[in-house]
Amino acid sequence: MSYSKLLIGAVAASWLAGCTMAPTYERPAAPVAADFPDAGSQSTSTIADIQWREFYADPKLRELIDLALANNRDLRVAILNIDQARAQYRIQRSQSFPQLDAVGNESVNRVPASVSQTGAGVTTRQFNANIGLSAYELDLFGRVRSLNGQALERFLATGEARKATQISLISEVANTYLTWAADLEQLALAQQTLKSQSDSYALTKRRFELGSASELTLRQIQTSVDTARVNVSTYTRLIAQDRNALVLLLGAAVPEHLTPASLSDTVSTVADLPAGLPSDLLTRRPDILQAEHELKAANFNIGAARAAFYPRITLTGSAGSSSTDLDGLFADGSGAWSFVPQISIPLFAGGANRANLDAAHVSRQIEVAQYEQAIQTAFREVADALAERNTLGDQLSARQSLVEATSTSFRLSQARFERGVDSYLDVLDSQRSLYTAQQGLIDARLQKLTNTVTLYKALGGGWSE
């Protein structure tokens, strides 16, 4: 039988042995309720179906997200991890095919006269040219195929990790941008308050110098001025930190024209925000899909551990030409070949194979727990965002009403002070209440916008090629 026929037969036998000893994979039941709490009417549609370019309304924000996707280092590492996992899968998959090597060599040997059978020194030369098959395993029990499946699932898991990284990145850019806009409004409010209190202080100081205002009133106004100065410094620092955080997310400097003009009343182009069903998360959240691929990889690992209990058949062979003369290396009659099949039957390994199988089963149980935890975490994130969304409308309305009430109270207190009815302490308290209410309104608006971003992320929205 020729070497080529032997090789073809070995490959065919391995290819036909397509079975593996991995357990049949069954997706674990989702350990969560069938519906989200506080989700309102259930719908099969969800905002996660909308691409991020269509979801976010602010063109400046969309441009910042584009910059982040192009330059962010965490995302770049996630993409490189995919390339690395793909290469590792290809390395593992190559074991399914025979490895052929072409080898040429020359050997020169000299036998001295003292040990030569002819009594004279002898020098021999041999030239060899071979194509060799090195320890090719016939995968009769699916060990190699199980390892291939494991490598493939881990490669797919890195792809889902890359998607999860992008979704988180888009969410972080959006929230940082909104926080930056809110802090700019807070700074403008603090500067406006500082100017107003500084004008009041200058007027009161002149009145104090003329003897028509008390020192107590002057010092009370001064405390208000100093408080406003502290707030201006605080928000100036926060704005710088917001910009620095955005620079890190973008992986590049923030263009000046992308500075937010103000905190918008809406961040999304979608008025209604349907959450869909919890079952949607199983196919939409990349972190859940990543956990499931890791679970499948652990399942294949069991197959490889089981196959270790069975014989391994390997083939080693070569075919080529040998000659004592380089000119006659490929002449008629110089052909040579060898074929060395080998079977290895495990008899005693000190319990190593059993321990490996037990470890594989435990690893699978760990992956099941982590998969279920990923589902529970995703369910909670969506439920928390929905619970917050259902209260934000009333909270924002109450904040607006509070601003209006404290604004009226401040005007009345100021009028009573100017008429000499009340002390300036009442005016100061009213002014502080108004300032606090205005700050709270900005925070409530920011919370409403970030809730939309968080819900979009929690539902798996933000991925696109």
Protein backbone atom coordinates (compact mmCIF):
# COMPACT_ATOMS: atom_id res chain seq x y z
CA MET A 1 0.00 0.00 0.00
CA SER A 2 1.42 3.40 -0.96
CA TYR A 3 2.00 6.20 1.55
CA SER A 4 -0.60 8.44 -0.11
CA LYS A 5 -3.28 5.78 0.34
CA LEU A 6 -2.33 5.32 3.97
CA LEU A 7 -2.52 9.07 4.52
CA ILE A 8 -5.93 9.36 2.84
CA GLY A 9 -7.25 6.46 4.89
CA ALA A 10 -6.01 8.00 8.15
CA VAL A 11 -7.60 11.36 7.40
CA ALA A 12 -10.87 9.72 6.38
CA ALA A 13 -10.99 7.63 9.55
CA SER A 14 -10.41 10.69 11.71
CA TRP A 15 -12.95 12.78 9.80
CA LEU A 16 -15.64 10.10 10.08
CA ALA A 17 -15.03 9.81 13.80
CA GLY A 18 -17.04 12.96 14.38
CA CYS A 19 -18.53 12.00 17.71
CA THR A 20 -17.50 13.68 20.93
CA MET A 21 -18.02 12.60 24.50
CA ALA A 22 -19.18 16.04 25.64
CA PRO A 23 -22.61 16.06 27.34
CA THR A 24 -25.51 17.36 25.29
CA TYR A 25 -25.76 21.09 25.98
CA GLU A 26 -28.99 22.40 27.45
CA ARG A 27 -29.41 26.06 28.29
CA PRO A 28 -30.19 26.45 32.01
CA ALA A 29 -33.57 27.93 32.88
CA ALA A 30 -33.46 31.67 33.52
CA PRO A 31 -33.69 32.21 37.31
CA VAL A 32 -35.81 35.37 36.99
CA ALA A 33 -39.48 36.30 36.73
CA ALA A 34 -41.27 36.18 33.39
CA ASP A 35 -41.97 39.95 33.44
CA PHE A 36 -40.13 43.03 34.61
CA PRO A 37 -41.66 44.77 37.63
CA ASP A 38 -42.91 48.31 37.02
CA ALA A 39 -42.56 47.83 33.26
CA GLY A 40 -46.14 48.82 32.45
CA SER A 41 -47.64 47.09 29.44
CA GLN A 42 -45.41 44.29 28.15
CA SER A 43 -44.20 44.57 24.57
CA THR A 44 -42.13 42.41 22.26
CA SER A 45 -40.28 45.50 21.06
CA THR A 46 -37.51 47.20 23.01
CA ILE A 47 -35.39 50.31 22.70
CA ALA A 48 -32.34 48.05 22.44
CA ASP A 49 -33.42 47.31 18.86
CA ILE A 50 -32.55 50.91 17.94
CA GLN A 51 -28.98 51.62 16.83
CA TRP A 52 -27.16 54.13 18.99
CA ARG A 53 -26.78 56.62 16.12
CA GLU A 54 -30.56 56.74 15.84
CA PHE A 55 -31.17 56.60 19.60
CA TYR A 56 -29.14 59.61 20.78
CA ALA A 57 -30.57 62.94 19.71
CA ASP A 58 -27.63 65.30 20.40
CA PRO A 59 -25.29 65.52 17.36
CA LYS A 60 -22.40 66.58 19.61
CA LEU A 61 -22.85 63.47 21.71
CA ARG A 62 -22.96 61.26 18.62
CA GLU A 63 -19.69 62.76 17.42
CA LEU A 64 -18.07 62.16 20.80
CA ILE A 65 -19.19 58.52 20.73
CA ASP A 66 -17.66 58.14 17.27
CA LEU A 67 -14.35 59.46 18.62
CA ALA A 68 -14.48 57.06 21.56
CA LEU A 69 -15.18 54.06 19.34
CA ALA A 70 -12.20 54.97 17.19
CA ASN A 71 -9.67 55.71 19.95
CA ASN A 72 -10.68 54.18 23.29
CA ARG A 73 -7.92 51.85 24.53
CA ASP A 74 -10.19 49.47 26.46
CA LEU A 75 -12.20 48.85 23.31
CA ARG A 76 -8.99 48.42 21.33
CA VAL A 77 -7.80 45.77 23.81
CA ALA A 78 -11.17 44.00 23.53
CA ILE A 79 -10.82 43.91 19.75
CA LEU A 80 -7.24 42.59 20.00
CA ASN A 81 -8.45 39.92 22.41
CA ILE A 82 -10.75 38.70 19.65
CA ASP A 83 -7.83 38.47 17.23
CA GLN A 84 -5.80 36.60 19.83
CA ALA A 85 -8.63 34.16 20.59
CA ARG A 86 -9.18 33.61 16.86
CA ALA A 87 -5.51 32.71 16.43
CA GLN A 88 -5.63 30.36 19.42
CA TYR A 89 -8.69 28.66 17.95
CA ARG A 90 -6.90 28.22 14.63
CA ILE A 91 -3.91 26.71 16.46
CA GLN A 92 -6.16 24.22 18.24
CA ARG A 93 -8.15 23.44 15.08
CA SER A 94 -4.93 22.65 13.20
CA GLN A 95 -4.64 19.50 15.34
CA SER A 96 -7.57 18.06 13.39
CA PHE A 97 -5.37 17.83 10.32
CA PRO A 98 -2.15 15.92 9.71
CA GLN A 99 1.06 17.91 9.96
CA LEU A 100 3.31 17.30 6.97
CA ASP A 101 6.96 18.35 6.97
CA ALA A 102 9.45 18.21 4.13
CA VAL A 103 12.89 17.35 5.45
CA GLY A 104 16.19 17.11 3.58
CA ASN A 105 19.48 16.20 5.24
CA GLU A 106 22.95 14.89 4.63
CA SER A 107 24.79 12.68 7.09
CA VAL A 108 28.56 12.03 6.96
CA ASN A 109 30.15 9.32 9.13
CA ARG A 110 33.81 8.20 9.38
CA VAL A 111 34.87 4.88 10.86
CA PRO A 112 38.58 4.84 11.82
CA ALA A 113 40.85 2.04 10.61
CA SER A 114 41.32 0.71 14.15
CA VAL A 115 37.68 -0.35 14.37
CA SER A 116 36.88 -0.82 10.69
CA GLN A 117 36.15 -4.34 9.54
CA THR A 118 38.26 -3.73 6.42
CA GLY A 119 41.23 -2.45 8.37
CA ALA A 120 41.09 0.90 6.62
CA GLY A 121 39.31 4.12 7.48
CA VAL A 122 35.89 4.44 5.86
CA THR A 123 33.88 7.62 5.25
CA THR A 124 30.22 7.23 4.30
CA ARG A 125 27.73 9.80 3.08
CA GLN A 126 23.94 9.59 2.89
CA PHE A 127 21.47 12.07 1.42
CA ASN A 128 17.79 11.96 2.43
CA ALA A 129 14.71 13.81 1.22
CA ASN A 130 11.41 12.93 2.95
CA ILE A 131 7.88 14.09 3.52
CA GLY A 132 6.88 13.09 7.03
CA LEU A 133 3.68 12.74 9.06
CA SER A 134 4.33 13.41 12.74
CA ALA A 135 2.20 11.78 15.47
CA TYR A 136 -1.18 12.48 13.86
CA GLU A 137 -3.98 11.48 16.24
CA LEU A 138 -6.99 9.58 14.94
CA ASP A 139 -9.72 11.33 16.90
CA LEU A 140 -11.87 8.24 17.40
CA PHE A 141 -13.27 9.38 20.75
CA GLY A 142 -13.59 13.10 20.01
CA ARG A 143 -10.84 14.44 22.28
CA VAL A 144 -9.47 16.81 19.66
CA ARG A 145 -12.95 17.80 18.51
CA SER A 146 -13.92 18.61 22.10
CA LEU A 147 -10.85 20.81 22.48
CA ASN A 148 -11.71 22.47 19.16
CA GLY A 149 -15.23 23.18 20.40
CA GLN A 150 -13.87 24.60 23.64
CA ALA A 151 -11.51 26.93 21.77
CA LEU A 152 -14.29 28.03 19.44
CA GLU A 153 -16.64 28.90 22.30
CA ARG A 154 -13.96 30.91 24.03
CA PHE A 155 -13.30 32.76 20.79
CA LEU A 156 -17.02 33.56 20.51
CA ALA A 157 -17.02 34.68 24.17
CA THR A 158 -14.33 37.28 23.39
CA GLY A 159 -16.56 38.58 20.60
CA GLU A 160 -19.39 39.11 23.07
CA ALA A 161 -16.97 40.71 25.52
CA ARG A 162 -16.05 43.21 22.80
CA LYS A 163 -19.74 44.04 22.30
CA ALA A 164 -20.24 44.48 26.05
CA THR A 165 -17.22 46.79 26.16
CA GLN A 166 -18.66 48.94 23.37
CA ILE A 167 -22.08 49.14 25.02
CA SER A 168 -20.51 50.19 28.33
CA LEU A 169 -18.25 52.70 26.57
CA ILE A 170 -21.16 54.37 24.77
CA SER A 171 -23.10 54.57 28.03
CA GLU A 172 -20.13 56.06 29.90
CA VAL A 173 -19.52 58.67 27.21
CA ALA A 174 -23.19 59.68 27.26
CA ASN A 175 -23.38 59.90 31.06
CA THR A 176 -20.11 61.82 31.31
CA TYR A 177 -21.26 64.25 28.62
CA LEU A 178 -24.58 64.81 30.43
CA THR A 179 -22.82 65.27 33.77
CA TRP A 180 -20.52 67.79 32.14
CA ALA A 181 -23.51 69.71 30.78
CA ALA A 182 -25.21 69.65 34.19
CA ASP A 183 -22.08 70.90 35.96
CA LEU A 184 -21.81 73.74 33.43
CA GLU A 185 -25.37 74.77 34.35
CA GLN A 186 -24.53 74.46 38.04
CA LEU A 187 -21.50 76.70 37.50
CA ALA A 188 -23.59 79.27 35.64
CA LEU A 189 -26.14 79.23 38.49
CA ALA A 190 -23.36 79.63 41.10
CA GLN A 191 -21.82 82.51 39.14
CA GLN A 192 -25.20 84.19 38.84
CA THR A 193 -25.76 83.78 42.57
CA LEU A 194 -22.27 85.12 43.32
CA LYS A 195 -22.86 88.20 41.17
CA SER A 196 -26.21 88.88 42.81
CA GLN A 197 -24.81 88.47 46.31
CA SER A 198 -21.72 90.52 45.47
CA ASP A 199 -23.92 93.36 44.25
CA SER A 200 -25.98 93.14 47.46
CA TYR A 201 -22.83 93.09 49.54
CA ALA A 202 -21.40 96.18 47.79
CA LEU A 203 -24.68 98.07 48.27
CA THR A 204 -24.97 97.03 51.93
CA LYS A 205 -21.35 97.95 52.57
CA ARG A 206 -21.97 101.49 51.33
CA ARG A 207 -25.06 101.72 53.49
CA PHE A 208 -23.06 100.43 56.47
CA GLU A 209 -20.40 103.09 55.89
CA LEU A 210 -23.16 105.71 55.81
CA GLY A 211 -24.64 104.32 59.02
CA SER A 212 -27.93 103.10 57.52
CA ALA A 213 -27.14 99.35 57.75
CA SER A 214 -25.90 97.23 60.64
CA GLU A 215 -22.69 95.27 60.68
CA LEU A 216 -24.71 92.11 61.35
CA THR A 217 -26.53 92.53 58.04
CA LEU A 218 -23.23 93.16 56.27
CA ARG A 219 -21.64 90.02 57.71
CA GLN A 220 -24.70 87.93 56.87
CA ILE A 221 -24.46 88.99 53.23
CA GLN A 222 -20.72 88.31 53.29
CA THR A 223 -21.34 84.68 54.32
CA SER A 224 -23.65 84.32 51.34
CA VAL A 225 -20.99 85.75 49.03
CA ASP A 226 -18.30 83.43 50.39
CA THR A 227 -20.60 80.41 50.04
CA ALA A 228 -21.25 81.32 46.42
CA ARG A 229 -17.51 81.67 45.81
CA VAL A 230 -16.95 78.19 47.24
CA ASN A 231 -19.63 76.79 44.93
CA VAL A 232 -18.09 78.47 41.90
CA SER A 233 -14.71 76.92 42.73
CA THR A 234 -16.29 73.52 43.34
CA TYR A 235 -18.12 73.40 40.00
CA THR A 236 -15.09 74.76 38.16
CA ARG A 237 -13.14 71.80 39.51
CA LEU A 238 -15.93 69.33 38.66
CA ILE A 239 -16.10 70.62 35.08
CA ALA A 240 -12.37 70.11 34.65
CA GLN A 241 -12.70 66.59 36.03
CA ASP A 242 -15.65 65.86 33.72
CA ARG A 243 -13.56 66.93 30.76
CA ASN A 244 -10.62 64.81 31.93
CA ALA A 245 -12.90 61.78 32.30
CA LEU A 246 -14.18 62.33 28.78
CA VAL A 247 -10.64 62.63 27.43
CA LEU A 248 -9.84 59.21 28.94
CA LEU A 249 -12.97 57.67 27.40
CA LEU A 250 -12.31 59.22 24.01
CA GLY A 251 -8.64 58.36 24.01
CA ALA A 252 -8.07 61.82 22.53
CA ALA A 253 -8.57 65.50 23.34
CA VAL A 254 -12.13 66.82 23.44
CA PRO A 255 -12.70 69.22 20.53
CA GLU A 256 -13.83 72.65 21.74
CA HIS A 257 -16.85 72.73 19.43
CA LEU A 258 -18.24 69.65 21.19
CA THR A 259 -18.62 71.40 24.54
CA PRO A 260 -22.31 71.13 25.53
CA ALA A 261 -24.21 74.39 25.35
CA SER A 262 -26.72 73.38 28.03
CA LEU A 263 -28.38 70.40 29.65
CA SER A 264 -31.04 69.29 27.20
CA ASP A 265 -34.48 68.18 28.31
CA THR A 266 -34.14 64.95 26.32
CA VAL A 267 -31.29 62.67 25.33
CA SER A 268 -33.15 60.21 23.11
CA THR A 269 -35.10 60.52 19.90
CA VAL A 270 -37.55 57.94 21.27
CA ALA A 271 -40.45 59.22 23.34
CA ASP A 272 -41.66 55.80 24.49
CA LEU A 273 -39.08 53.47 26.01
CA PRO A 274 -40.41 49.88 25.81
CA ALA A 275 -38.40 47.41 27.88
CA GLY A 276 -39.53 44.21 26.16
CA LEU A 277 -39.47 40.89 28.02
CA PRO A 278 -36.78 39.38 30.28
CA SER A 279 -36.30 36.58 27.77
CA ASP A 280 -35.03 39.18 25.30
CA LEU A 281 -31.99 39.72 27.52
CA LEU A 282 -30.80 36.17 26.87
CA THR A 283 -30.21 36.95 23.20
CA ARG A 284 -29.43 40.67 23.42
CA ARG A 285 -27.16 41.25 26.41
CA PRO A 286 -23.56 40.46 25.34
CA ASP A 287 -22.45 39.71 28.90
CA ILE A 288 -25.09 36.97 29.15
CA LEU A 289 -24.11 35.57 25.77
CA GLN A 290 -20.46 35.67 26.84
CA ALA A 291 -21.30 33.70 29.99
CA GLU A 292 -23.21 31.15 27.91
CA HIS A 293 -20.27 30.65 25.54
CA GLU A 294 -18.01 30.08 28.56
CA LEU A 295 -20.54 27.51 29.80
CA LYS A 296 -20.48 25.73 26.44
CA ALA A 297 -16.67 25.73 26.54
CA ALA A 298 -16.79 24.04 29.95
CA ASN A 299 -19.21 21.50 28.48
CA PHE A 300 -16.71 20.62 25.75
CA ASN A 301 -13.97 20.36 28.35
CA ILE A 302 -15.89 17.50 29.96
CA GLY A 303 -15.83 15.69 26.61
CA ALA A 304 -12.05 16.05 26.38
CA ALA A 305 -11.64 14.81 29.96
CA ARG A 306 -13.84 11.77 29.27
CA ALA A 307 -11.90 10.91 26.11
CA ALA A 308 -8.69 10.71 28.16
CA PHE A 309 -9.93 7.37 29.58
CA TYR A 310 -9.89 5.76 26.13
CA PRO A 311 -7.05 4.67 23.83
CA ARG A 312 -5.26 7.21 21.66
CA ILE A 313 -4.11 6.14 18.21
CA THR A 314 -1.40 8.17 16.52
CA LEU A 315 0.20 7.78 13.12
CA THR A 316 3.78 8.63 12.26
CA GLY A 317 5.23 7.99 8.82
CA SER A 318 7.45 9.31 6.10
CA ALA A 319 8.09 8.75 2.42
CA GLY A 320 10.97 9.98 0.29
CA SER A 321 14.29 9.07 -1.19
CA SER A 322 17.73 8.10 0.14
CA SER A 323 21.05 7.82 -1.64
CA THR A 324 24.76 7.83 -0.94
CA ASP A 325 25.19 10.18 -3.87
CA LEU A 326 23.45 13.53 -4.24
CA ASP A 327 23.06 12.97 -7.98
CA GLY A 328 21.23 9.70 -7.36
CA LEU A 329 18.90 11.04 -4.66
CA PHE A 330 15.80 10.90 -6.86
CA ALA A 331 16.92 8.09 -9.18
CA ASP A 332 14.92 4.91 -9.69
CA GLY A 333 15.19 2.51 -6.79
CA SER A 334 16.06 5.20 -4.21
CA GLY A 335 12.57 5.40 -2.72
CA ALA A 336 12.12 4.77 1.01
CA TRP A 337 9.19 4.92 3.39
CA SER A 338 8.22 4.14 6.94
CA PHE A 339 4.85 3.83 8.70
CA VAL A 340 4.58 3.69 12.52
CA PRO A 341 1.05 3.50 13.93
CA GLN A 342 0.89 3.63 17.71
CA ILE A 343 -1.86 2.96 20.22
CA SER A 344 -1.64 4.27 23.77
CA ILE A 345 -3.99 2.71 26.33
CA PRO A 346 -4.24 4.40 29.75
CA LEU A 347 -3.66 1.80 32.46
CA PHE A 348 -2.61 3.72 35.54
CA ALA A 349 -2.14 7.48 35.98
CA GLY A 350 -2.44 7.81 39.72
CA GLY A 351 -6.00 9.10 39.47
CA ALA A 352 -5.06 12.03 37.24
CA ASN A 353 -7.70 11.29 34.60
CA ARG A 354 -10.45 10.94 37.20
CA ALA A 355 -9.33 14.17 38.88
CA ASN A 356 -9.34 15.99 35.52
CA LEU A 357 -12.89 14.80 34.84
CA ASP A 358 -14.05 15.85 38.31
CA ALA A 359 -12.43 19.26 37.82
CA ALA A 360 -14.18 19.60 34.44
CA HIS A 361 -17.57 18.87 36.04
CA VAL A 362 -16.95 21.38 38.82
CA SER A 363 -15.82 23.96 36.26
CA ARG A 364 -19.10 23.49 34.40
CA GLN A 365 -21.09 23.97 37.62
CA ILE A 366 -19.18 27.19 38.24
CA GLU A 367 -19.98 28.42 34.73
CA VAL A 368 -23.67 27.56 35.25
CA ALA A 369 -23.71 29.66 38.43
CA GLN A 370 -21.95 32.54 36.68
CA TYR A 371 -24.35 32.33 33.74
CA GLU A 372 -27.36 32.46 36.09
CA GLN A 373 -25.76 35.32 38.01
CA ALA A 374 -25.27 37.27 34.76
CA ILE A 375 -28.99 36.86 34.04
CA GLN A 376 -29.97 37.94 37.55
CA THR A 377 -27.66 40.96 37.40
CA ALA A 378 -29.08 42.02 34.04
CA PHE A 379 -32.64 41.57 35.32
CA ARG A 380 -31.92 43.71 38.37
CA GLU A 381 -30.27 46.47 36.32
CA VAL A 382 -33.33 46.70 34.07
CA ALA A 383 -35.76 46.49 37.01
CA ASP A 384 -33.89 49.24 38.90
CA ALA A 385 -33.89 51.50 35.84
CA LEU A 386 -37.62 50.92 35.33
CA ALA A 387 -38.38 51.61 39.00
CA GLU A 388 -36.42 54.85 38.81
CA ARG A 389 -38.09 55.86 35.55
CA ASN A 390 -41.56 55.50 37.05
CA THR A 391 -40.78 57.99 39.83
CA LEU A 392 -38.72 60.54 37.92
CA GLY A 393 -41.73 62.29 36.40
CA ASP A 394 -43.26 63.11 39.79
CA GLN A 395 -39.85 63.97 41.21
CA LEU A 396 -39.10 66.41 38.38
CA SER A 397 -42.54 68.00 38.71
CA ALA A 398 -42.05 68.41 42.46
CA ARG A 399 -38.61 69.97 41.93
CA GLN A 400 -40.07 72.46 39.45
CA SER A 401 -42.86 73.36 41.86
CA LEU A 402 -40.32 73.79 44.66
CA VAL A 403 -38.28 76.21 42.57
CA GLU A 404 -41.36 78.28 41.82
CA ALA A 405 -42.41 78.33 45.49
CA THR A 406 -38.98 79.27 46.82
CA SER A 407 -38.60 81.91 44.12
CA THR A 408 -41.82 83.54 45.26
CA SER A 409 -40.75 83.24 48.90
CA PHE A 410 -37.43 84.92 48.11
CA ARG A 411 -39.10 87.84 46.37
CA LEU A 412 -41.51 88.36 49.27
CA SER A 413 -38.73 88.13 51.87
CA GLN A 414 -36.65 90.65 49.99
CA ALA A 415 -39.59 93.04 49.74
CA ARG A 416 -40.32 92.73 53.48
CA PHE A 417 -36.66 93.38 54.28
CA GLU A 418 -36.59 96.49 52.10
CA ARG A 419 -39.65 97.77 53.99
CA GLY A 420 -37.96 97.06 57.32
CA VAL A 421 -40.44 94.38 58.34
CA ASP A 422 -37.98 91.44 58.47
CA SER A 423 -34.25 91.10 59.08
CA TYR A 424 -31.84 90.16 56.32
CA LEU A 425 -31.50 86.73 57.90
CA ASP A 426 -34.95 85.85 56.52
CA VAL A 427 -33.86 87.02 53.07
CA LEU A 428 -30.70 84.97 53.34
CA ASP A 429 -32.62 81.82 54.28
CA SER A 430 -35.02 82.33 51.38
CA GLN A 431 -32.15 82.89 48.97
CA ARG A 432 -30.38 79.74 50.14
CA SER A 433 -33.60 77.74 49.79
CA LEU A 434 -34.05 79.03 46.25
CA TYR A 435 -30.46 78.22 45.31
CA THR A 436 -30.75 74.71 46.75
CA ALA A 437 -34.03 74.16 44.90
CA GLN A 438 -32.49 75.32 41.62
CA GLN A 439 -29.54 72.96 42.13
CA GLY A 440 -31.96 70.13 42.89
CA LEU A 441 -33.90 70.81 39.70
CA ILE A 442 -30.73 70.53 37.62
CA ASP A 443 -29.86 67.27 39.40
CA ALA A 444 -33.36 65.90 38.75
CA ARG A 445 -33.14 66.75 35.05
CA LEU A 446 -29.73 65.05 34.88
CA GLN A 447 -31.08 61.99 36.69
CA LYS A 448 -33.93 61.69 34.20
CA LEU A 449 -31.53 61.80 31.25
CA THR A 450 -29.02 59.36 32.74
CA ASN A 451 -31.88 56.98 33.56
CA THR A 452 -32.69 56.81 29.86
CA VAL A 453 -29.05 56.05 29.05
CA THR A 454 -28.87 53.42 31.80
CA LEU A 455 -32.06 51.69 30.67
CA TYR A 456 -30.80 51.62 27.08
CA LYS A 457 -27.55 50.03 28.23
CA ALA A 458 -29.22 47.58 30.62
CA LEU A 459 -31.42 46.27 27.81
CA GLY A 460 -28.36 45.63 25.65
CA GLY A 461 -28.67 48.67 23.41
CA GLY A 462 -25.64 50.34 21.87
CA TRP A 463 -24.08 47.60 19.80
CA SER A 464 -23.55 48.09 16.09
CA GLU A 465 -20.83 47.04 13.69
